[in-house]
Full PDB file with SEQRES, HELIX, SHEET, SSBOND, CRYST1, ORIGX, SCALE, CONECT and MASTER records, all heavy atoms in Angstrom:
SEQRES   1 A   30  VAL VAL LEU VAL GLY ARG ASN PRO ASP ARG LEU ALA GLN          
SEQRES   2 A   30  ALA ALA ALA ASP VAL GLY VAL VAL ALA THR ALA ALA PHE          
SEQRES   3 A   30  ASP ALA ALA ASP                                              
HELIX    1 AA1 PRO A    8  VAL A   18  1                                  11    
SHEET    1 AA1 2 VAL A   2  GLY A   5  0                                        
SHEET    2 AA1 2 ALA A  22  ALA A  25  1                                        
CRYST1    1.000    1.000    1.000  90.00  90.00  90.00 P 1           1          
ORIGX1      1.000000  0.000000  0.000000        0.00000                         
ORIGX2      0.000000  1.000000  0.000000        0.00000                         
ORIGX3      0.000000  0.000000  1.000000        0.00000                         
SCALE1      1.000000  0.000000  0.000000        0.00000                         
SCALE2      0.000000  1.000000  0.000000        0.00000                         
SCALE3      0.000000  0.000000  1.000000        0.00000                         
ATOM      1  N   VAL A   1      77.331  45.268  44.576  1.00  0.00           N  
ATOM      2  CA  VAL A   1      77.298  44.186  45.544  1.00  0.00           C  
ATOM      3  C   VAL A   1      76.574  42.983  45.116  1.00  0.00           C  
ATOM      4  O   VAL A   1      75.488  43.065  44.451  1.00  0.00           O  
ATOM      5  CB  VAL A   1      76.716  44.769  46.891  1.00  0.00           C  
ATOM      6  CG1 VAL A   1      76.542  43.634  47.866  1.00  0.00           C  
ATOM      7  CG2 VAL A   1      77.643  45.809  47.518  1.00  0.00           C  
ATOM      8  N   VAL A   2      77.190  41.748  45.383  1.00  0.00           N  
ATOM      9  CA  VAL A   2      76.541  40.548  45.161  1.00  0.00           C  
ATOM     10  C   VAL A   2      76.307  39.843  46.593  1.00  0.00           C  
ATOM     11  O   VAL A   2      77.363  39.683  47.328  1.00  0.00           O  
ATOM     12  CB  VAL A   2      77.394  39.643  44.280  1.00  0.00           C  
ATOM     13  CG1 VAL A   2      76.664  38.229  44.104  1.00  0.00           C  
ATOM     14  CG2 VAL A   2      77.550  40.312  42.888  1.00  0.00           C  
ATOM     15  N   LEU A   3      75.241  39.560  46.919  1.00  0.00           N  
ATOM     16  CA  LEU A   3      74.886  38.911  48.202  1.00  0.00           C  
ATOM     17  C   LEU A   3      74.672  37.370  48.001  1.00  0.00           C  
ATOM     18  O   LEU A   3      73.962  36.934  47.092  1.00  0.00           O  
ATOM     19  CB  LEU A   3      73.600  39.500  48.883  1.00  0.00           C  
ATOM     20  CG  LEU A   3      73.619  40.957  49.339  1.00  0.00           C  
ATOM     21  CD1 LEU A   3      72.374  41.251  49.944  1.00  0.00           C  
ATOM     22  CD2 LEU A   3      74.848  41.105  50.284  1.00  0.00           C  
ATOM     23  N   VAL A   4      75.309  36.640  48.907  1.00  0.00           N  
ATOM     24  CA  VAL A   4      75.094  35.172  49.024  1.00  0.00           C  
ATOM     25  C   VAL A   4      74.581  34.777  50.349  1.00  0.00           C  
ATOM     26  O   VAL A   4      75.162  35.285  51.396  1.00  0.00           O  
ATOM     27  CB  VAL A   4      76.536  34.438  48.685  1.00  0.00           C  
ATOM     28  CG1 VAL A   4      76.331  32.925  48.852  1.00  0.00           C  
ATOM     29  CG2 VAL A   4      76.894  34.711  47.227  1.00  0.00           C  
ATOM     30  N   GLY A   5      73.630  33.903  50.434  1.00  0.00           N  
ATOM     31  CA  GLY A   5      73.045  33.465  51.753  1.00  0.00           C  
ATOM     32  C   GLY A   5      72.281  32.177  51.553  1.00  0.00           C  
ATOM     33  O   GLY A   5      71.924  31.784  50.343  1.00  0.00           O  
ATOM     34  N   ARG A   6      72.037  31.566  52.595  1.00  0.00           N  
ATOM     35  CA  ARG A   6      71.233  30.293  52.568  1.00  0.00           C  
ATOM     36  C   ARG A   6      69.825  30.474  52.534  1.00  0.00           C  
ATOM     37  O   ARG A   6      69.075  29.567  52.021  1.00  0.00           O  
ATOM     38  CB  ARG A   6      71.648  29.480  53.791  1.00  0.00           C  
ATOM     39  CG  ARG A   6      73.061  28.774  53.622  1.00  0.00           C  
ATOM     40  CD  ARG A   6      73.418  27.859  54.792  1.00  0.00           C  
ATOM     41  NE  ARG A   6      73.336  28.654  56.048  1.00  0.00           N  
ATOM     42  CZ  ARG A   6      73.727  28.007  57.234  1.00  0.00           C  
ATOM     43  NH1 ARG A   6      74.025  26.768  57.291  1.00  0.00           N  
ATOM     44  NH2 ARG A   6      73.762  28.753  58.387  1.00  0.00           N  
ATOM     45  N   ASN A   7      69.287  31.548  53.140  1.00  0.00           N  
ATOM     46  CA  ASN A   7      67.858  31.755  53.250  1.00  0.00           C  
ATOM     47  C   ASN A   7      67.300  32.602  52.156  1.00  0.00           C  
ATOM     48  O   ASN A   7      67.658  33.837  52.190  1.00  0.00           O  
ATOM     49  CB  ASN A   7      67.520  32.307  54.630  1.00  0.00           C  
ATOM     50  CG  ASN A   7      66.007  32.460  54.891  1.00  0.00           C  
ATOM     51  OD1 ASN A   7      65.261  32.941  54.105  1.00  0.00           O  
ATOM     52  ND2 ASN A   7      65.544  31.983  56.054  1.00  0.00           N  
ATOM     53  N   PRO A   8      66.564  32.167  51.156  1.00  0.00           N  
ATOM     54  CA  PRO A   8      66.126  32.898  49.962  1.00  0.00           C  
ATOM     55  C   PRO A   8      65.209  34.154  50.398  1.00  0.00           C  
ATOM     56  O   PRO A   8      65.484  35.258  49.808  1.00  0.00           O  
ATOM     57  CB  PRO A   8      65.361  31.960  49.068  1.00  0.00           C  
ATOM     58  CG  PRO A   8      65.847  30.575  49.555  1.00  0.00           C  
ATOM     59  CD  PRO A   8      66.166  30.720  51.009  1.00  0.00           C  
ATOM     60  N   ASP A   9      64.375  33.940  51.317  1.00  0.00           N  
ATOM     61  CA  ASP A   9      63.465  35.018  51.747  1.00  0.00           C  
ATOM     62  C   ASP A   9      64.261  36.145  52.390  1.00  0.00           C  
ATOM     63  O   ASP A   9      64.126  37.319  52.018  1.00  0.00           O  
ATOM     64  CB  ASP A   9      62.381  34.619  52.565  1.00  0.00           C  
ATOM     65  CG  ASP A   9      61.457  33.585  51.947  1.00  0.00           C  
ATOM     66  OD1 ASP A   9      61.352  33.636  50.749  1.00  0.00           O  
ATOM     67  OD2 ASP A   9      60.936  32.714  52.625  1.00  0.00           O  
ATOM     68  N   ARG A  10      65.184  35.808  53.270  1.00  0.00           N  
ATOM     69  CA  ARG A  10      65.928  36.849  54.025  1.00  0.00           C  
ATOM     70  C   ARG A  10      66.910  37.470  53.023  1.00  0.00           C  
ATOM     71  O   ARG A  10      67.228  38.698  53.128  1.00  0.00           O  
ATOM     72  CB  ARG A  10      66.743  36.224  55.195  1.00  0.00           C  
ATOM     73  CG  ARG A  10      67.268  37.214  56.187  1.00  0.00           C  
ATOM     74  CD  ARG A  10      67.628  36.482  57.447  1.00  0.00           C  
ATOM     75  NE  ARG A  10      68.734  35.580  57.248  1.00  0.00           N  
ATOM     76  CZ  ARG A  10      69.034  34.602  58.134  1.00  0.00           C  
ATOM     77  NH1 ARG A  10      68.305  34.456  59.216  1.00  0.00           N  
ATOM     78  NH2 ARG A  10      69.981  33.782  57.916  1.00  0.00           N  
ATOM     79  N   LEU A  11      67.384  36.694  52.064  1.00  0.00           N  
ATOM     80  CA  LEU A  11      68.380  37.256  51.011  1.00  0.00           C  
ATOM     81  C   LEU A  11      67.597  38.309  50.159  1.00  0.00           C  
ATOM     82  O   LEU A  11      68.177  39.338  49.876  1.00  0.00           O  
ATOM     83  CB  LEU A  11      68.923  36.111  50.182  1.00  0.00           C  
ATOM     84  CG  LEU A  11      70.020  36.304  49.342  1.00  0.00           C  
ATOM     85  CD1 LEU A  11      71.298  36.730  50.147  1.00  0.00           C  
ATOM     86  CD2 LEU A  11      70.379  35.121  48.517  1.00  0.00           C  
ATOM     87  N   ALA A  12      66.405  37.901  49.832  1.00  0.00           N  
ATOM     88  CA  ALA A  12      65.626  38.897  48.865  1.00  0.00           C  
ATOM     89  C   ALA A  12      65.320  40.182  49.704  1.00  0.00           C  
ATOM     90  O   ALA A  12      65.391  41.288  49.105  1.00  0.00           O  
ATOM     91  CB  ALA A  12      64.373  38.197  48.477  1.00  0.00           C  
ATOM     92  N   GLN A  13      64.920  40.069  50.889  1.00  0.00           N  
ATOM     93  CA  GLN A  13      64.736  41.218  51.758  1.00  0.00           C  
ATOM     94  C   GLN A  13      65.980  42.168  51.860  1.00  0.00           C  
ATOM     95  O   GLN A  13      65.944  43.332  51.737  1.00  0.00           O  
ATOM     96  CB  GLN A  13      64.253  40.858  53.093  1.00  0.00           C  
ATOM     97  CG  GLN A  13      63.830  42.035  53.976  1.00  0.00           C  
ATOM     98  CD  GLN A  13      63.235  41.645  55.348  1.00  0.00           C  
ATOM     99  OE1 GLN A  13      63.044  40.415  55.587  1.00  0.00           O  
ATOM    100  NE2 GLN A  13      62.977  42.585  56.201  1.00  0.00           N  
ATOM    101  N   ALA A  14      67.142  41.543  52.092  1.00  0.00           N  
ATOM    102  CA  ALA A  14      68.341  42.252  52.264  1.00  0.00           C  
ATOM    103  C   ALA A  14      68.705  42.952  50.863  1.00  0.00           C  
ATOM    104  O   ALA A  14      69.201  43.974  50.991  1.00  0.00           O  
ATOM    105  CB  ALA A  14      69.487  41.298  52.702  1.00  0.00           C  
ATOM    106  N   ALA A  15      68.489  42.212  49.804  1.00  0.00           N  
ATOM    107  CA  ALA A  15      68.924  42.807  48.523  1.00  0.00           C  
ATOM    108  C   ALA A  15      68.020  43.998  48.217  1.00  0.00           C  
ATOM    109  O   ALA A  15      68.550  44.961  47.640  1.00  0.00           O  
ATOM    110  CB  ALA A  15      68.639  41.621  47.432  1.00  0.00           C  
ATOM    111  N   ALA A  16      66.771  43.880  48.518  1.00  0.00           N  
ATOM    112  CA  ALA A  16      65.875  45.105  48.302  1.00  0.00           C  
ATOM    113  C   ALA A  16      66.208  46.271  49.169  1.00  0.00           C  
ATOM    114  O   ALA A  16      66.129  47.443  48.785  1.00  0.00           O  
ATOM    115  CB  ALA A  16      64.363  44.650  48.600  1.00  0.00           C  
ATOM    116  N   ASP A  17      66.687  45.931  50.328  1.00  0.00           N  
ATOM    117  CA  ASP A  17      67.034  47.026  51.358  1.00  0.00           C  
ATOM    118  C   ASP A  17      68.303  47.651  50.811  1.00  0.00           C  
ATOM    119  O   ASP A  17      68.427  48.973  50.973  1.00  0.00           O  
ATOM    120  CB  ASP A  17      67.306  46.306  52.730  1.00  0.00           C  
ATOM    121  CG  ASP A  17      67.721  47.271  53.753  1.00  0.00           C  
ATOM    122  OD1 ASP A  17      67.384  48.497  53.685  1.00  0.00           O  
ATOM    123  OD2 ASP A  17      68.409  46.921  54.687  1.00  0.00           O  
ATOM    124  N   VAL A  18      69.353  46.973  50.392  1.00  0.00           N  
ATOM    125  CA  VAL A  18      70.630  47.568  50.096  1.00  0.00           C  
ATOM    126  C   VAL A  18      70.658  48.025  48.578  1.00  0.00           C  
ATOM    127  O   VAL A  18      71.249  49.152  48.354  1.00  0.00           O  
ATOM    128  CB  VAL A  18      71.697  46.547  50.343  1.00  0.00           C  
ATOM    129  CG1 VAL A  18      73.079  47.070  49.934  1.00  0.00           C  
ATOM    130  CG2 VAL A  18      71.759  46.218  51.833  1.00  0.00           C  
ATOM    131  N   GLY A  19      70.077  47.163  47.707  1.00  0.00           N  
ATOM    132  CA  GLY A  19      70.215  47.543  46.345  1.00  0.00           C  
ATOM    133  C   GLY A  19      71.400  46.861  45.708  1.00  0.00           C  
ATOM    134  O   GLY A  19      72.481  47.495  45.733  1.00  0.00           O  
ATOM    135  N   VAL A  20      71.325  45.697  45.239  1.00  0.00           N  
ATOM    136  CA  VAL A  20      72.493  44.910  44.813  1.00  0.00           C  
ATOM    137  C   VAL A  20      72.251  44.503  43.302  1.00  0.00           C  
ATOM    138  O   VAL A  20      71.239  44.633  42.717  1.00  0.00           O  
ATOM    139  CB  VAL A  20      72.624  43.569  45.671  1.00  0.00           C  
ATOM    140  CG1 VAL A  20      72.753  44.024  47.226  1.00  0.00           C  
ATOM    141  CG2 VAL A  20      71.412  42.628  45.453  1.00  0.00           C  
ATOM    142  N   VAL A  21      73.434  44.063  42.780  1.00  0.00           N  
ATOM    143  CA  VAL A  21      73.348  43.665  41.369  1.00  0.00           C  
ATOM    144  C   VAL A  21      72.921  42.242  41.215  1.00  0.00           C  
ATOM    145  O   VAL A  21      72.466  41.802  40.078  1.00  0.00           O  
ATOM    146  CB  VAL A  21      74.649  43.952  40.601  1.00  0.00           C  
ATOM    147  CG1 VAL A  21      75.033  45.475  40.671  1.00  0.00           C  
ATOM    148  CG2 VAL A  21      75.807  43.104  41.336  1.00  0.00           C  
ATOM    149  N   ALA A  22      73.109  41.409  42.181  1.00  0.00           N  
ATOM    150  CA  ALA A  22      72.729  40.011  42.076  1.00  0.00           C  
ATOM    151  C   ALA A  22      72.713  39.287  43.430  1.00  0.00           C  
ATOM    152  O   ALA A  22      73.394  39.825  44.364  1.00  0.00           O  
ATOM    153  CB  ALA A  22      73.776  39.333  41.203  1.00  0.00           C  
ATOM    154  N   THR A  23      72.025  38.145  43.512  1.00  0.00           N  
ATOM    155  CA  THR A  23      71.960  37.476  44.722  1.00  0.00           C  
ATOM    156  C   THR A  23      72.098  35.941  44.260  1.00  0.00           C  
ATOM    157  O   THR A  23      71.900  35.598  43.133  1.00  0.00           O  
ATOM    158  CB  THR A  23      70.705  37.574  45.556  1.00  0.00           C  
ATOM    159  OG1 THR A  23      69.640  37.125  44.784  1.00  0.00           O  
ATOM    160  CG2 THR A  23      70.482  39.034  45.991  1.00  0.00           C  
ATOM    161  N   ALA A  24      72.538  35.163  45.294  1.00  0.00           N  
ATOM    162  CA  ALA A  24      72.603  33.633  45.058  1.00  0.00           C  
ATOM    163  C   ALA A  24      72.375  33.004  46.418  1.00  0.00           C  
ATOM    164  O   ALA A  24      72.973  33.273  47.486  1.00  0.00           O  
ATOM    165  CB  ALA A  24      73.990  33.237  44.597  1.00  0.00           C  
ATOM    166  N   ALA A  25      71.449  32.154  46.356  1.00  0.00           N  
ATOM    167  CA  ALA A  25      70.979  31.408  47.570  1.00  0.00           C  
ATOM    168  C   ALA A  25      71.450  29.939  47.561  1.00  0.00           C  
ATOM    169  O   ALA A  25      71.024  29.009  46.760  1.00  0.00           O  
ATOM    170  CB  ALA A  25      69.423  31.375  47.729  1.00  0.00           C  
ATOM    171  N   PHE A  26      72.503  29.661  48.437  1.00  0.00           N  
ATOM    172  CA  PHE A  26      73.108  28.400  48.513  1.00  0.00           C  
ATOM    173  C   PHE A  26      73.954  28.407  49.827  1.00  0.00           C  
ATOM    174  O   PHE A  26      74.265  29.431  50.402  1.00  0.00           O  
ATOM    175  CB  PHE A  26      73.903  28.017  47.308  1.00  0.00           C  
ATOM    176  CG  PHE A  26      75.179  28.682  47.157  1.00  0.00           C  
ATOM    177  CD1 PHE A  26      76.399  28.388  47.557  1.00  0.00           C  
ATOM    178  CD2 PHE A  26      75.156  29.909  46.421  1.00  0.00           C  
ATOM    179  CE1 PHE A  26      77.553  29.034  47.391  1.00  0.00           C  
ATOM    180  CE2 PHE A  26      76.255  30.688  46.198  1.00  0.00           C  
ATOM    181  CZ  PHE A  26      77.469  30.204  46.669  1.00  0.00           C  
ATOM    182  N   ASP A  27      74.303  27.142  50.216  1.00  0.00           N  
ATOM    183  CA  ASP A  27      75.256  26.988  51.432  1.00  0.00           C  
ATOM    184  C   ASP A  27      76.599  27.092  50.972  1.00  0.00           C  
ATOM    185  O   ASP A  27      77.144  26.299  50.235  1.00  0.00           O  
ATOM    186  CB  ASP A  27      74.943  25.649  52.046  1.00  0.00           C  
ATOM    187  CG  ASP A  27      75.801  25.490  53.189  1.00  0.00           C  
ATOM    188  OD1 ASP A  27      76.597  26.325  53.737  1.00  0.00           O  
ATOM    189  OD2 ASP A  27      75.500  24.386  53.989  1.00  0.00           O  
ATOM    190  N   ALA A  28      77.338  28.221  51.367  1.00  0.00           N  
ATOM    191  CA  ALA A  28      78.705  28.442  50.917  1.00  0.00           C  
ATOM    192  C   ALA A  28      79.721  27.424  51.460  1.00  0.00           C  
ATOM    193  O   ALA A  28      80.765  27.308  50.939  1.00  0.00           O  
ATOM    194  CB  ALA A  28      79.188  29.868  51.327  1.00  0.00           C  
ATOM    195  N   ALA A  29      79.372  26.659  52.446  1.00  0.00           N  
ATOM    196  CA  ALA A  29      80.140  25.586  53.015  1.00  0.00           C  
ATOM    197  C   ALA A  29      80.237  24.272  52.014  1.00  0.00           C  
ATOM    198  O   ALA A  29      80.990  23.464  52.236  1.00  0.00           O  
ATOM    199  CB  ALA A  29      79.729  25.142  54.268  1.00  0.00           C  
ATOM    200  N   ASP A  30      79.316  24.324  51.026  1.00  0.00           N  
ATOM    201  CA  ASP A  30      79.176  23.257  50.011  1.00  0.00           C  
ATOM    202  C   ASP A  30      80.274  23.598  49.030  1.00  0.00           C  
ATOM    203  O   ASP A  30      80.081  24.484  48.149  1.00  0.00           O  
ATOM    204  CB  ASP A  30      77.866  23.176  49.441  1.00  0.00           C  
ATOM    205  CG  ASP A  30      77.702  22.010  48.419  1.00  0.00           C  
ATOM    206  OD1 ASP A  30      78.707  21.669  47.759  1.00  0.00           O  
ATOM    207  OD2 ASP A  30      76.579  21.469  48.258  1.00  0.00           O  
TER     208      ASP A  30                                                      
MASTER        0    0    0    1    2    0    0    6  207    1    0    3          
END                                                                             
């Protein structure tokens, strides 16, 4: 799983909770 979200802190917490291969913090509407 790769997680994308705007909030880096919330994204990091979610990644640690689930166990993902990568994350990216940016606004997907851009």
